[in-house]
C-alpha atoms as a PDB file:
ATOM      1  CA  MET A   1      17.929  -3.745  15.622  1.00  0.00           C
ATOM      2  CA  PHE A   2      18.006  -2.303  12.130  1.00  0.00           C
ATOM      3  CA  LEU A   3      18.083   1.327  11.452  1.00  0.00           C
ATOM      4  CA  LYS A   4      16.976   2.872   8.339  1.00  0.00           C
ATOM      5  CA  LYS A   5      16.931   6.319   6.400  1.00  0.00           C
ATOM      6  CA  PHE A   6      13.355   5.538   5.173  1.00  0.00           C
ATOM      7  CA  ALA A   7      12.812   8.776   3.595  1.00  0.00           C
ATOM      8  CA  GLU A   8      15.917   8.811   1.577  1.00  0.00           C
ATOM      9  CA  LYS A   9      15.440   5.607  -0.023  1.00  0.00           C
ATOM     10  CA  GLY A  10      14.261   5.905  -3.631  1.00  0.00           C
ATOM     11  CA  PHE A  11      10.820   4.327  -4.958  1.00  0.00           C
ATOM     12  CA  ARG A  12      11.178   1.106  -7.025  1.00  0.00           C
ATOM     13  CA  LYS A  13       8.343   0.112  -9.592  1.00  0.00           C
ATOM     14  CA  LYS A  14       6.496  -3.022  -8.363  1.00  0.00           C
ATOM     15  CA  ARG A  15       4.415  -3.476 -11.382  1.00  0.00           C
ATOM     16  CA  LYS A  16       2.577  -0.867 -13.624  1.00  0.00           C
ATOM     17  CA  GLY A  17       1.178   1.918 -11.779  1.00  0.00           C
ATOM     18  CA  VAL A  18       2.672   0.937  -8.571  1.00  0.00           C
ATOM     19  CA  TYR A  19       5.955   2.202  -6.748  1.00  0.00           C
ATOM     20  CA  GLY A  20       7.447   1.562  -3.336  1.00  0.00           C
ATOM     21  CA  LYS A  21       9.992   1.042  -0.741  1.00  0.00           C
ATOM     22  CA  ILE A  22       9.855  -1.138   2.269  1.00  0.00           C
ATOM     23  CA  ILE A  23      11.430  -2.141   5.738  1.00  0.00           C
ATOM     24  CA  ALA A  24      10.623  -5.596   6.666  1.00  0.00           C
ATOM     25  CA  GLY A  25      10.904  -8.081   9.738  1.00  0.00           C
ATOM     26  CA  LYS A  26      10.099 -11.521  10.556  1.00  0.00           C
ATOM     27  CA  ASN A  27       6.486 -10.892  11.086  1.00  0.00           C
ATOM     28  CA  ALA A  28       5.609  -7.598   9.687  1.00  0.00           C
ATOM     29  CA  GLN A  29       6.271  -5.167   6.763  1.00  0.00           C
ATOM     30  CA  LEU A  30       6.176  -1.579   6.425  1.00  0.00           C
ATOM     31  CA  VAL A  31       5.718  -0.456   2.606  1.00  0.00           C
ATOM     32  CA  TRP A  32       5.349   3.441   1.599  1.00  0.00           C
ATOM     33  CA  CYS A  33       3.422   3.146  -1.871  1.00  0.00           C
ATOM     34  CA  MET A  34       2.715   5.263  -4.554  1.00  0.00           C
ATOM     35  CA  LEU A  35       0.119   4.959  -7.038  1.00  0.00           C
ATOM     36  CA  ASP A  36      -0.185   6.620 -10.738  1.00  0.00           C
ATOM     37  CA  PRO A  37      -3.367   8.427 -11.398  1.00  0.00           C
ATOM     38  CA  GLY A  38      -6.062   5.986 -12.741  1.00  0.00           C
ATOM     39  CA  TYR A  39      -4.564   3.109 -11.030  1.00  0.00           C
ATOM     40  CA  ASP A  40      -7.444   0.643 -10.125  1.00  0.00           C
ATOM     41  CA  ASN A  41      -7.269  -2.716  -9.135  1.00  0.00           C
ATOM     42  CA  SER A  42      -8.897  -5.638  -7.070  1.00  0.00           C
ATOM     43  CA  HIS A  43      -7.259  -8.550  -5.467  1.00  0.00           C
ATOM     44  CA  ILE A  44      -7.163 -10.762  -2.281  1.00  0.00           C
ATOM     45  CA  HIS A  45      -4.237 -12.297  -0.302  1.00  0.00           C
ATOM     46  CA  ASN A  46      -3.710 -13.938   2.836  1.00  0.00           C
ATOM     47  CA  HIS A  47      -2.188 -11.179   4.748  1.00  0.00           C
ATOM     48  CA  GLU A  48      -3.561  -8.712   7.313  1.00  0.00           C
ATOM     49  CA  GLN A  49      -3.214  -5.425   5.577  1.00  0.00           C
ATOM     50  CA  ILE A  50      -3.428  -1.754   7.758  1.00  0.00           C
ATOM     51  CA  GLY A  51      -3.003   1.649   5.734  1.00  0.00           C
ATOM     52  CA  TYR A  52      -2.813   5.335   6.303  1.00  0.00           C
ATOM     53  CA  ILE A  53      -3.077   7.827   3.260  1.00  0.00           C
ATOM     54  CA  LEU A  54      -0.587  10.341   2.855  1.00  0.00           C
ATOM     55  CA  LYS A  55      -1.597  12.015  -0.455  1.00  0.00           C
ATOM     56  CA  GLY A  56      -4.134  12.093  -3.029  1.00  0.00           C
ATOM     57  CA  ARG A  57      -7.737  10.343  -2.705  1.00  0.00           C
ATOM     58  CA  ILE A  58      -8.210   6.819  -3.096  1.00  0.00           C
ATOM     59  CA  LYS A  59     -11.320   4.677  -3.400  1.00  0.00           C
ATOM     60  CA  VAL A  60     -10.830   1.773  -1.375  1.00  0.00           C
ATOM     61  CA  THR A  61     -13.256  -1.018  -1.501  1.00  0.00           C
ATOM     62  CA  ILE A  62     -13.081  -3.704   1.190  1.00  0.00           C
ATOM     63  CA  ALA A  63     -15.453  -6.911   0.943  1.00  0.00           C
ATOM     64  CA  GLY A  64     -17.649  -5.012  -1.550  1.00  0.00           C
ATOM     65  CA  ARG A  65     -18.040  -1.658   0.717  1.00  0.00           C
ATOM     66  CA  SER A  66     -16.142   1.502  -0.828  1.00  0.00           C
ATOM     67  CA  LYS A  67     -15.172   4.778   0.676  1.00  0.00           C
ATOM     68  CA  ILE A  68     -13.008   7.664  -0.736  1.00  0.00           C
ATOM     69  CA  LEU A  69     -10.227   7.987   1.687  1.00  0.00           C
ATOM     70  CA  GLU A  70      -7.957  11.204   1.917  1.00  0.00           C
ATOM     71  CA  PRO A  71      -4.749  12.086   3.812  1.00  0.00           C
ATOM     72  CA  GLY A  72      -5.205  11.249   7.529  1.00  0.00           C
ATOM     73  CA  ASP A  73      -7.683   8.603   6.898  1.00  0.00           C
ATOM     74  CA  ALA A  74      -6.846   4.784   7.495  1.00  0.00           C
ATOM     75  CA  TYR A  75      -8.143   1.532   6.608  1.00  0.00           C
ATOM     76  CA  TYR A  76      -7.753  -2.470   8.195  1.00  0.00           C
ATOM     77  CA  ILE A  77      -8.293  -5.148   5.840  1.00  0.00           C
ATOM     78  CA  PRO A  78      -8.343  -8.661   7.230  1.00  0.00           C
ATOM     79  CA  ALA A  79      -6.408 -11.562   5.664  1.00  0.00           C
ATOM     80  CA  GLY A  80      -8.653 -13.297   2.775  1.00  0.00           C
ATOM     81  CA  VAL A  81     -10.822 -10.343   2.162  1.00  0.00           C
ATOM     82  CA  ARG A  82     -11.298  -9.101  -1.305  1.00  0.00           C
ATOM     83  CA  HIS A  83     -10.396  -5.553  -1.841  1.00  0.00           C
ATOM     84  CA  GLY A  84      -9.223  -2.768  -4.273  1.00  0.00           C
ATOM     85  CA  PHE A  85      -7.866   0.582  -4.574  1.00  0.00           C
ATOM     86  CA  LYS A  86      -8.551   3.348  -7.322  1.00  0.00           C
ATOM     87  CA  VAL A  87      -6.786   6.334  -7.448  1.00  0.00           C
ATOM     88  CA  ILE A  88      -9.165   9.232  -8.179  1.00  0.00           C
ATOM     89  CA  GLY A  89      -7.965  12.689  -9.888  1.00  0.00           C
ATOM     90  CA  ASN A  90      -4.956  12.959 -11.730  1.00  0.00           C
ATOM     91  CA  LYS A  91      -2.311  13.375  -9.374  1.00  0.00           C
ATOM     92  CA  LYS A  92      -0.508  10.568  -7.587  1.00  0.00           C
ATOM     93  CA  ALA A  93      -1.752   8.909  -4.411  1.00  0.00           C
ATOM     94  CA  GLY A  94       0.577   7.918  -1.605  1.00  0.00           C
ATOM     95  CA  TYR A  95       0.051   5.754   1.673  1.00  0.00           C
ATOM     96  CA  PHE A  96       1.878   3.554   4.064  1.00  0.00           C
ATOM     97  CA  GLU A  97       0.884   0.140   4.730  1.00  0.00           C
ATOM     98  CA  VAL A  98       1.917  -2.687   7.020  1.00  0.00           C
ATOM     99  CA  PHE A  99       1.508  -6.342   6.023  1.00  0.00           C
ATOM    100  CA  SER A 100       1.493  -9.343   8.577  1.00  0.00           C
ATOM    101  CA  PRO A 101       3.021 -11.750   7.495  1.00  0.00           C
ATOM    102  CA  PRO A 102       5.063  -9.910   5.305  1.00  0.00           C
ATOM    103  CA  LYS A 103       4.000 -10.112   1.561  1.00  0.00           C
ATOM    104  CA  LYS A 104       6.728 -11.959  -0.515  1.00  0.00           C
ATOM    105  CA  GLU A 105       5.841  -9.779  -3.790  1.00  0.00           C
ATOM    106  CA  ASN A 106       6.810  -6.807  -2.028  1.00  0.00           C
ATOM    107  CA  MET A 107      10.407  -7.832  -1.577  1.00  0.00           C
ATOM    108  CA  VAL A 108      11.440  -6.696  -4.843  1.00  0.00           C
ATOM    109  CA  LEU A 109      11.331  -3.297  -3.567  1.00  0.00           C
ATOM    110  CA  LEU A 110      14.019  -4.065  -0.811  1.00  0.00           C
ATOM    111  CA  ARG A 111      16.989  -3.236  -2.729  1.00  0.00           C
END
């Protein structure tokens, strides 16, 4: 068993406009993600993804259907489905995400 002081761990830059910190196991990964205002992307990967909005407003698009999510809202994205995130407004947005299996590109956040 591994215990972490997750809230005390600093955020690391993943790529332009994206910052995060993670805790990862063999079959799942929890990411606390922060996005800069104006951040906008669309992508696809072979991981299930579940998220919970903590702060800000994010337009989440899954398989061509969009909805603006706010704190307390959640989403689920099946593996292999195109999806994207666009920060609405001039404040950072933050959310928790769970990936299964763990997403290798997020491992840069694990230091």
